C-alpha cells in the first residue's frame, strides 16, 4: 500500500514540475523575467507590465563595483604586456 502511495506522490510531483517548467517557458517567451532579479534591479509586481525595474539604491553600488572590476582587469592586462 505504501508503495502505491509513494508512486502516486512521485507522479504528482513530476506533473507539477512539468507544468511549472511549461509556465516559466511560456512567460519567458512573452518577455517576462521569471528569475530572481540581478543586483541593481527589482522584480516588479505582477500588476506592472514590465517584469524588472531599476533599484536606484543598489544600482549605483553595482555600477561602481563593475567599474572597479573593469579597472582591475585593465591593470592586470597592462601588467602582462609590460616588458
PDB file of N, CA and C in Angstrom:
ATOM      1  N   UNK A   1       0.827  -1.193   0.000  1.00  0.00           N
ATOM      2  CA  UNK A   1       0.000   0.000   0.000  1.00  0.00           C
ATOM      3  C   UNK A   1       0.877   1.265   0.000  1.00  0.00           C
ATOM      4  N   UNK A   2       1.945   1.251   0.813  1.00  0.00           N
ATOM      5  CA  UNK A   2       2.817   2.419   0.873  1.00  0.00           C
ATOM      6  C   UNK A   2       3.501   2.664  -0.457  1.00  0.00           C
ATOM      7  N   UNK A   3       3.829   1.604  -1.163  1.00  0.00           N
ATOM      8  CA  UNK A   3       4.463   1.728  -2.468  1.00  0.00           C
ATOM      9  C   UNK A   3       3.558   2.431  -3.465  1.00  0.00           C
ATOM     10  N   UNK A   4       2.277   2.129  -3.419  1.00  0.00           N
ATOM     11  CA  UNK A   4       1.311   2.771  -4.318  1.00  0.00           C
ATOM     12  C   UNK A   4       1.195   4.251  -3.988  1.00  0.00           C
ATOM     13  N   UNK A   5       1.132   4.574  -2.716  1.00  0.00           N
ATOM     14  CA  UNK A   5       1.035   5.974  -2.306  1.00  0.00           C
ATOM     15  C   UNK A   5       2.304   6.741  -2.681  1.00  0.00           C
ATOM     16  N   UNK A   6       3.462   6.111  -2.512  1.00  0.00           N
ATOM     17  CA  UNK A   6       4.730   6.766  -2.873  1.00  0.00           C
ATOM     18  C   UNK A   6       4.804   6.978  -4.378  1.00  0.00           C
ATOM     19  N   UNK A   7       4.351   6.009  -5.149  1.00  0.00           N
ATOM     20  CA  UNK A   7       4.358   6.142  -6.608  1.00  0.00           C
ATOM     21  C   UNK A   7       3.417   7.255  -7.048  1.00  0.00           C
ATOM     22  N   UNK A   8       2.256   7.350  -6.423  1.00  0.00           N
ATOM     23  CA  UNK A   8       1.318   8.413  -6.767  1.00  0.00           C
ATOM     24  C   UNK A   8       1.882   9.786  -6.399  1.00  0.00           C
ATOM     25  N   UNK A   9       2.533   9.882  -5.255  1.00  0.00           N
ATOM     26  CA  UNK A   9       3.141  11.150  -4.841  1.00  0.00           C
ATOM     27  C   UNK A   9       4.245  11.554  -5.812  1.00  0.00           C
ATOM     28  N   UNK A  10       5.041  10.606  -6.251  1.00  0.00           N
ATOM     29  CA  UNK A  10       6.099  10.903  -7.219  1.00  0.00           C
ATOM     30  C   UNK A  10       5.507  11.359  -8.548  1.00  0.00           C
ATOM     31  N   UNK A  11       4.460  10.694  -8.991  1.00  0.00           N
ATOM     32  CA  UNK A  11       3.792  11.083 -10.231  1.00  0.00           C
ATOM     33  C   UNK A  11       3.235  12.501 -10.118  1.00  0.00           C
ATOM     34  N   UNK A  12       2.622  12.818  -8.989  1.00  0.00           N
ATOM     35  CA  UNK A  12       2.069  14.154  -8.771  1.00  0.00           C
ATOM     36  C   UNK A  12       3.172  15.206  -8.795  1.00  0.00           C
ATOM     37  N   UNK A  13       4.306  14.924  -8.162  1.00  0.00           N
ATOM     38  CA  UNK A  13       5.436  15.852  -8.187  1.00  0.00           C
ATOM     39  C   UNK A  13       5.966  16.050  -9.604  1.00  0.00           C
ATOM     40  N   UNK A  14       6.030  14.989 -10.384  1.00  0.00           N
ATOM     41  CA  UNK A  14       6.501  15.094 -11.763  1.00  0.00           C
ATOM     42  C   UNK A  14       5.561  15.947 -12.611  1.00  0.00           C
ATOM     43  N   UNK A  15       4.274  15.777 -12.425  1.00  0.00           N
ATOM     44  CA  UNK A  15       3.290  16.567 -13.172  1.00  0.00           C
ATOM     45  C   UNK A  15       3.412  18.043 -12.797  1.00  0.00           C
ATOM     46  N   UNK A  16       3.535  18.336 -11.513  1.00  0.00           N
ATOM     47  CA  UNK A  16       3.683  19.735 -11.077  1.00  0.00           C
ATOM     48  C   UNK A  16       4.962  20.351 -11.635  1.00  0.00           C
ATOM     49  N   UNK A  17       6.028  19.583 -11.660  1.00  0.00           N
ATOM     50  CA  UNK A  17       7.295  20.056 -12.189  1.00  0.00           C
ATOM     51  C   UNK A  17       7.165  20.384 -13.674  1.00  0.00           C
ATOM     52  N   UNK A  18       6.530  19.504 -14.421  1.00  0.00           N
ATOM     53  CA  UNK A  18       6.340  19.748 -15.854  1.00  0.00           C
ATOM     54  C   UNK A  18       5.493  20.995 -16.104  1.00  0.00           C
ATOM     55  N   UNK A  19       4.434  21.164 -15.331  1.00  0.00           N
ATOM     56  CA  UNK A  19       3.572  22.337 -15.501  1.00  0.00           C
ATOM     57  C   UNK A  19       4.304  23.627 -15.134  1.00  0.00           C
ATOM     58  N   UNK A  20       5.119  23.572 -14.085  1.00  0.00           N
ATOM     59  CA  UNK A  20       5.882  24.754 -13.675  1.00  0.00           C
ATOM     60  C   UNK A  20       6.873  25.146 -14.757  1.00  0.00           C
ATOM     61  N   UNK A  21       7.599  24.180 -15.284  1.00  0.00           N
ATOM     62  CA  UNK A  21       8.559  24.468 -16.366  1.00  0.00           C
ATOM     63  C   UNK A  21       7.860  25.029 -17.594  1.00  0.00           C
ATOM     64  N   UNK A  22       6.720  24.459 -17.951  1.00  0.00           N
ATOM     65  CA  UNK A  22       5.982  24.941 -19.120  1.00  0.00           C
ATOM     66  C   UNK A  22       5.499  26.373 -18.897  1.00  0.00           C
ATOM     67  N   UNK A  23       5.032  26.673 -17.695  1.00  0.00           N
ATOM     68  CA  UNK A  23       4.577  28.030 -17.385  1.00  0.00           C
ATOM     69  C   UNK A  23       5.711  29.033 -17.420  1.00  0.00           C
ATOM     70  N   UNK A  24       6.874  28.657 -16.885  1.00  0.00           N
ATOM     71  CA  UNK A  24       8.027  29.561 -16.905  1.00  0.00           C
ATOM     72  C   UNK A  24       8.514  29.787 -18.329  1.00  0.00           C
ATOM     73  N   UNK A  25       8.499  28.735 -19.145  1.00  0.00           N
ATOM     74  CA  UNK A  25       8.924  28.868 -20.533  1.00  0.00           C
ATOM     75  C   UNK A  25       7.967  29.788 -21.295  1.00  0.00           C
ATOM     76  N   UNK A  26       6.678  29.634 -21.060  1.00  0.00           N
ATOM     77  CA  UNK A  26       5.693  30.497 -21.726  1.00  0.00           C
ATOM     78  C   UNK A  26       5.872  31.951 -21.296  1.00  0.00           C
ATOM     79  N   UNK A  27       6.145  32.181 -20.022  1.00  0.00           N
ATOM     80  CA  UNK A  27       6.355  33.549 -19.534  1.00  0.00           C
ATOM     81  C   UNK A  27       7.606  34.150 -20.157  1.00  0.00           C
ATOM     82  N   UNK A  28       8.664  33.364 -20.277  1.00  0.00           N
ATOM     83  CA  UNK A  28       9.891  33.849 -20.918  1.00  0.00           C
ATOM     84  C   UNK A  28       9.645  34.213 -22.377  1.00  0.00           C
ATOM     85  N   UNK A  29       8.861  33.405 -23.077  1.00  0.00           N
ATOM     86  CA  UNK A  29       8.555  33.691 -24.468  1.00  0.00           C
ATOM     87  C   UNK A  29       7.737  34.969 -24.620  1.00  0.00           C
ATOM     88  N   UNK A  30       6.979  35.321 -23.585  1.00  0.00           N
ATOM     89  CA  UNK A  30       6.208  36.570 -23.593  1.00  0.00           C
ATOM     90  C   UNK A  30       7.050  37.768 -23.167  1.00  0.00           C
ATOM     91  N   UNK A  31       8.291  37.520 -22.773  1.00  0.00           N
ATOM     92  CA  UNK A  31       9.187  38.604 -22.406  1.00  0.00           C
ATOM     93  C   UNK A  31       9.228  38.931 -20.926  1.00  0.00           C
ATOM     94  N   UNK A  32       8.614  38.111 -20.091  1.00  0.00           N
ATOM     95  CA  UNK A  32       8.659  38.338 -18.649  1.00  0.00           C
ATOM     96  C   UNK A  32       9.914  37.739 -18.060  1.00  0.00           C
ATOM     97  N   UNK A  33      10.437  38.356 -17.003  1.00  0.00           N
ATOM     98  CA  UNK A  33      11.596  37.848 -16.272  1.00  0.00           C
ATOM     99  C   UNK A  33      11.064  36.988 -15.141  1.00  0.00           C
ATOM    100  N   UNK A  34      11.369  35.699 -15.143  1.00  0.00           N
ATOM    101  CA  UNK A  34      10.785  34.785 -14.158  1.00  0.00           C
ATOM    102  C   UNK A  34      11.771  34.370 -13.073  1.00  0.00           C
ATOM    103  N   UNK A  35      12.978  34.922 -13.116  1.00  0.00           N
ATOM    104  CA  UNK A  35      14.008  34.547 -12.153  1.00  0.00           C
ATOM    105  C   UNK A  35      14.189  35.654 -11.125  1.00  0.00           C
ATOM    106  N   UNK A  36      15.050  35.428 -10.147  1.00  0.00           N
ATOM    107  CA  UNK A  36      15.396  36.441  -9.172  1.00  0.00           C
ATOM    108  C   UNK A  36      16.113  37.573  -9.898  1.00  0.00           C
ATOM    109  N   UNK A  37      15.736  38.796  -9.612  1.00  0.00           N
ATOM    110  CA  UNK A  37      16.308  39.948 -10.303  1.00  0.00           C
ATOM    111  C   UNK A  37      17.797  40.074  -9.994  1.00  0.00           C
ATOM    112  N   UNK A  38      18.611  40.444 -11.006  1.00  0.00           N
ATOM    113  CA  UNK A  38      20.038  40.648 -10.752  1.00  0.00           C
ATOM    114  C   UNK A  38      20.263  41.890  -9.888  1.00  0.00           C
ATOM    115  N   UNK A  39      21.465  42.009  -9.348  1.00  0.00           N
ATOM    116  CA  UNK A  39      21.779  43.151  -8.494  1.00  0.00           C
ATOM    117  C   UNK A  39      21.619  44.437  -9.303  1.00  0.00           C
ATOM    118  N   UNK A  40      20.953  45.406  -8.717  1.00  0.00           N
ATOM    119  CA  UNK A  40      20.692  46.669  -9.393  1.00  0.00           C
ATOM    120  C   UNK A  40      19.281  46.749  -9.944  1.00  0.00           C
ATOM    121  N   UNK A  41      18.536  45.649  -9.862  1.00  0.00           N
ATOM    122  CA  UNK A  41      17.161  45.603 -10.341  1.00  0.00           C
ATOM    123  C   UNK A  41      16.273  45.001  -9.261  1.00  0.00           C
ATOM    124  N   UNK A  42      14.982  45.215  -9.402  1.00  0.00           N
ATOM    125  CA  UNK A  42      13.989  44.623  -8.510  1.00  0.00           C
ATOM    126  C   UNK A  42      12.965  43.888  -9.359  1.00  0.00           C
ATOM    127  N   UNK A  43      12.435  42.796  -8.837  1.00  0.00           N
ATOM    128  CA  UNK A  43      11.321  42.138  -9.501  1.00  0.00           C
ATOM    129  C   UNK A  43      10.084  43.009  -9.313  1.00  0.00           C
ATOM    130  N   UNK A  44       9.423  43.327 -10.408  1.00  0.00           N
ATOM    131  CA  UNK A  44       8.238  44.179 -10.344  1.00  0.00           C
ATOM    132  C   UNK A  44       7.021  43.354  -9.947  1.00  0.00           C
ATOM    133  N   UNK A  45       6.040  43.999  -9.341  1.00  0.00           N
ATOM    134  CA  UNK A  45       4.794  43.284  -9.029  1.00  0.00           C
ATOM    135  C   UNK A  45       4.110  42.820 -10.320  1.00  0.00           C
ATOM    136  N   UNK A  46       3.286  41.822 -10.215  1.00  0.00           N
ATOM    137  CA  UNK A  46       2.608  41.277 -11.393  1.00  0.00           C
ATOM    138  C   UNK A  46       1.704  42.291 -12.081  1.00  0.00           C
ATOM    139  N   UNK A  47       1.246  43.288 -11.352  1.00  0.00           N
ATOM    140  CA  UNK A  47       0.332  44.264 -11.945  1.00  0.00           C
ATOM    141  C   UNK A  47       1.033  45.171 -12.959  1.00  0.00           C
ATOM    142  N   UNK A  48       2.371  45.260 -12.881  1.00  0.00           N
ATOM    143  CA  UNK A  48       3.105  46.105 -13.821  1.00  0.00           C
ATOM    144  C   UNK A  48       3.369  45.329 -15.108  1.00  0.00           C
ATOM    145  N   UNK A  49       3.471  46.063 -16.205  1.00  0.00           N
ATOM    146  CA  UNK A  49       3.708  45.401 -17.487  1.00  0.00           C
ATOM    147  C   UNK A  49       5.157  44.932 -17.611  1.00  0.00           C
ATOM    148  N   UNK A  50       6.084  45.663 -17.003  1.00  0.00           N
ATOM    149  CA  UNK A  50       7.492  45.269 -17.045  1.00  0.00           C
ATOM    150  C   UNK A  50       7.780  44.351 -15.878  1.00  0.00           C
ATOM    151  N   UNK A  51       8.713  43.432 -16.071  1.00  0.00           N
ATOM    152  CA  UNK A  51       8.983  42.476 -15.008  1.00  0.00           C
ATOM    153  C   UNK A  51      10.207  42.838 -14.173  1.00  0.00           C
ATOM    154  N   UNK A  52      11.064  43.768 -14.667  1.00  0.00           N
ATOM    155  CA  UNK A  52      12.216  44.241 -13.908  1.00  0.00           C
ATOM    156  C   UNK A  52      12.177  45.763 -13.851  1.00  0.00           C
ATOM    157  N   UNK A  53      12.504  46.312 -12.706  1.00  0.00           N
ATOM    158  CA  UNK A  53      12.624  47.764 -12.562  1.00  0.00           C
ATOM    159  C   UNK A  53      13.966  48.062 -11.907  1.00  0.00           C
ATOM    160  N   UNK A  54      14.496  49.228 -12.200  1.00  0.00           N
ATOM    161  CA  UNK A  54      15.779  49.625 -11.615  1.00  0.00           C
ATOM    162  C   UNK A  54      15.628  49.867 -10.122  1.00  0.00           C
ATOM    163  N   UNK A  55      16.632  49.448  -9.381  1.00  0.00           N
ATOM    164  CA  UNK A  55      16.713  49.708  -7.951  1.00  0.00           C
ATOM    165  C   UNK A  55      17.720  50.837  -7.781  1.00  0.00           C
ATOM    166  N   UNK A  56      17.268  52.077  -7.545  1.00  0.00           N
ATOM    167  CA  UNK A  56      18.201  53.207  -7.523  1.00  0.00           C
ATOM    168  C   UNK A  56      19.282  53.085  -6.453  1.00  0.00           C
ATOM    169  N   UNK A  57      18.970  52.459  -5.337  1.00  0.00           N
ATOM    170  CA  UNK A  57      19.949  52.342  -4.255  1.00  0.00           C
ATOM    171  C   UNK A  57      21.060  51.351  -4.609  1.00  0.00           C
ATOM    172  N   UNK A  58      20.690  50.171  -5.049  1.00  0.00           N
ATOM    173  CA  UNK A  58      21.687  49.134  -5.328  1.00  0.00           C
ATOM    174  C   UNK A  58      22.293  49.251  -6.720  1.00  0.00           C
ATOM    175  N   UNK A  59      21.623  49.927  -7.639  1.00  0.00           N
ATOM    176  CA  UNK A  59      22.160  50.064  -8.995  1.00  0.00           C
ATOM    177  C   UNK A  59      23.468  50.850  -8.972  1.00  0.00           C
ATOM    178  N   UNK A  60      23.522  51.890  -8.175  1.00  0.00           N
ATOM    179  CA  UNK A  60      24.749  52.690  -8.084  1.00  0.00           C
ATOM    180  C   UNK A  60      25.892  51.852  -7.517  1.00  0.00           C
ATOM    181  N   UNK A  61      25.605  51.023  -6.538  1.00  0.00           N
ATOM    182  CA  UNK A  61      26.642  50.163  -5.960  1.00  0.00           C
ATOM    183  C   UNK A  61      27.131  49.129  -6.969  1.00  0.00           C
ATOM    184  N   UNK A  62      26.204  48.554  -7.715  1.00  0.00           N
ATOM    185  CA  UNK A  62      26.596  47.557  -8.719  1.00  0.00           C
ATOM    186  C   UNK A  62      27.423  48.204  -9.818  1.00  0.00           C
ATOM    187  N   UNK A  63      27.033  49.388 -10.239  1.00  0.00           N
ATOM    188  CA  UNK A  63      27.774  50.092 -11.288  1.00  0.00           C
ATOM    189  C   UNK A  63      29.187  50.424 -10.814  1.00  0.00           C
ATOM    190  N   UNK A  64      29.305  50.859  -9.583  1.00  0.00           N
ATOM    191  CA  UNK A  64      30.616  51.187  -9.025  1.00  0.00           C
ATOM    192  C   UNK A  64      31.498  49.937  -8.940  1.00  0.00           C
ATOM    193  N   UNK A  65      30.911  48.821  -8.529  1.00  0.00           N
ATOM    194  CA  UNK A  65      31.665  47.572  -8.428  1.00  0.00           C
ATOM    195  C   UNK A  65      32.123  47.087  -9.804  1.00  0.00           C
ATOM    196  N   UNK A  66      31.258  47.189 -10.794  1.00  0.00           N
ATOM    197  CA  UNK A  66      31.634  46.759 -12.140  1.00  0.00           C
ATOM    198  C   UNK A  66      32.733  47.643 -12.730  1.00  0.00           C
ATOM    199  N   UNK A  67      32.658  48.940 -12.470  1.00  0.00           N
ATOM    200  CA  UNK A  67      33.710  49.833 -12.953  1.00  0.00           C
ATOM    201  C   UNK A  67      35.049  49.503 -12.287  1.00  0.00           C
ATOM    202  N   UNK A  68      35.018  49.205 -10.999  1.00  0.00           N
ATOM    203  CA  UNK A  68      36.249  48.826 -10.291  1.00  0.00           C
ATOM    204  C   UNK A  68      36.820  47.521 -10.820  1.00  0.00           C
ATOM    205  N   UNK A  69      35.942  46.563 -11.105  1.00  0.00           N
ATOM    206  CA  UNK A  69      36.402  45.283 -11.643  1.00  0.00           C
ATOM    207  C   UNK A  69      37.007  45.472 -13.032  1.00  0.00           C
ATOM    208  N   UNK A  70      36.389  46.315 -13.848  1.00  0.00           N
ATOM    209  CA  UNK A  70      36.927  46.579 -15.188  1.00  0.00           C
ATOM    210  C   UNK A  70      38.285  47.262 -15.093  1.00  0.00           C
ATOM    211  N   UNK A  71      38.430  48.172 -14.142  1.00  0.00           N
ATOM    212  CA  UNK A  71      39.715  48.864 -13.965  1.00  0.00           C
ATOM    213  C   UNK A  71      40.805  47.878 -13.561  1.00  0.00           C
ATOM    214  N   UNK A  72      40.484  46.975 -12.616  1.00  0.00           N
ATOM    215  CA  UNK A  72      41.466  45.971 -12.190  1.00  0.00           C
ATOM    216  C   UNK A  72      41.833  45.044 -13.345  1.00  0.00           C
ATOM    217  N   UNK A  73      40.858  44.690 -14.164  1.00  0.00           N
ATOM    218  CA  UNK A  73      41.143  43.830 -15.305  1.00  0.00           C
ATOM    219  C   UNK A  73      42.058  44.532 -16.301  1.00  0.00           C
ATOM    220  N   UNK A  74      41.818  45.810 -16.557  1.00  0.00           N
ATOM    221  CA  UNK A  74      42.689  46.571 -17.462  1.00  0.00           C
ATOM    222  C   UNK A  74      44.095  46.660 -16.905  1.00  0.00           C
ATOM    223  N   UNK A  75      44.241  46.881 -15.600  1.00  0.00           N
ATOM    224  CA  UNK A  75      45.555  46.956 -14.982  1.00  0.00           C
ATOM    225  C   UNK A  75      46.275  45.616 -15.064  1.00  0.00           C
ATOM    226  N   UNK A  76      45.552  44.532 -14.858  1.00  0.00           N
ATOM    227  CA  UNK A  76      46.144  43.209 -14.919  1.00  0.00           C
ATOM    228  C   UNK A  76      46.612  42.896 -16.342  1.00  0.00           C
ATOM    229  N   UNK A  77      45.812  43.254 -17.333  1.00  0.00           N
ATOM    230  CA  UNK A  77      46.209  43.025 -18.727  1.00  0.00           C
ATOM    231  C   UNK A  77      47.412  43.878 -19.092  1.00  0.00           C
ATOM    232  N   UNK A  78      47.440  45.125 -18.613  1.00  0.00           N
ATOM    233  CA  UNK A  78      48.560  46.006 -18.904  1.00  0.00           C
ATOM    234  C   UNK A  78      49.839  45.469 -18.256  1.00  0.00           C
ATOM    235  N   UNK A  79      49.725  44.904 -17.074  1.00  0.00           N
ATOM    236  CA  UNK A  79      50.895  44.354 -16.380  1.00  0.00           C
ATOM    237  C   UNK A  79      51.467  43.152 -17.130  1.00  0.00           C
ATOM    238  N   UNK A  80      50.605  42.366 -17.780  1.00  0.00           N
ATOM    239  CA  UNK A  80      51.074  41.207 -18.532  1.00  0.00           C
ATOM    240  C   UNK A  80      51.843  41.609 -19.787  1.00  0.00           C
ATOM    241  N   UNK A  81      51.470  42.733 -20.375  1.00  0.00           N
ATOM    242  CA  UNK A  81      52.130  43.164 -21.622  1.00  0.00           C
ATOM    243  C   UNK A  81      53.345  44.044 -21.351  1.00  0.00           C
ATOM    244  N   UNK A  82      53.579  44.389 -20.078  1.00  0.00           N
ATOM    245  CA  UNK A  82      54.718  45.248 -19.728  1.00  0.00           C
ATOM    246  C   UNK A  82      56.020  44.473 -19.975  1.00  0.00           C
ATOM    247  N   UNK A  83      57.003  45.122 -20.598  1.00  0.00           N
ATOM    248  CA  UNK A  83      58.261  44.412 -20.920  1.00  0.00           C
ATOM    249  C   UNK A  83      59.043  43.965 -19.730  1.00  0.00           C
TER     250      UNK A  83
END
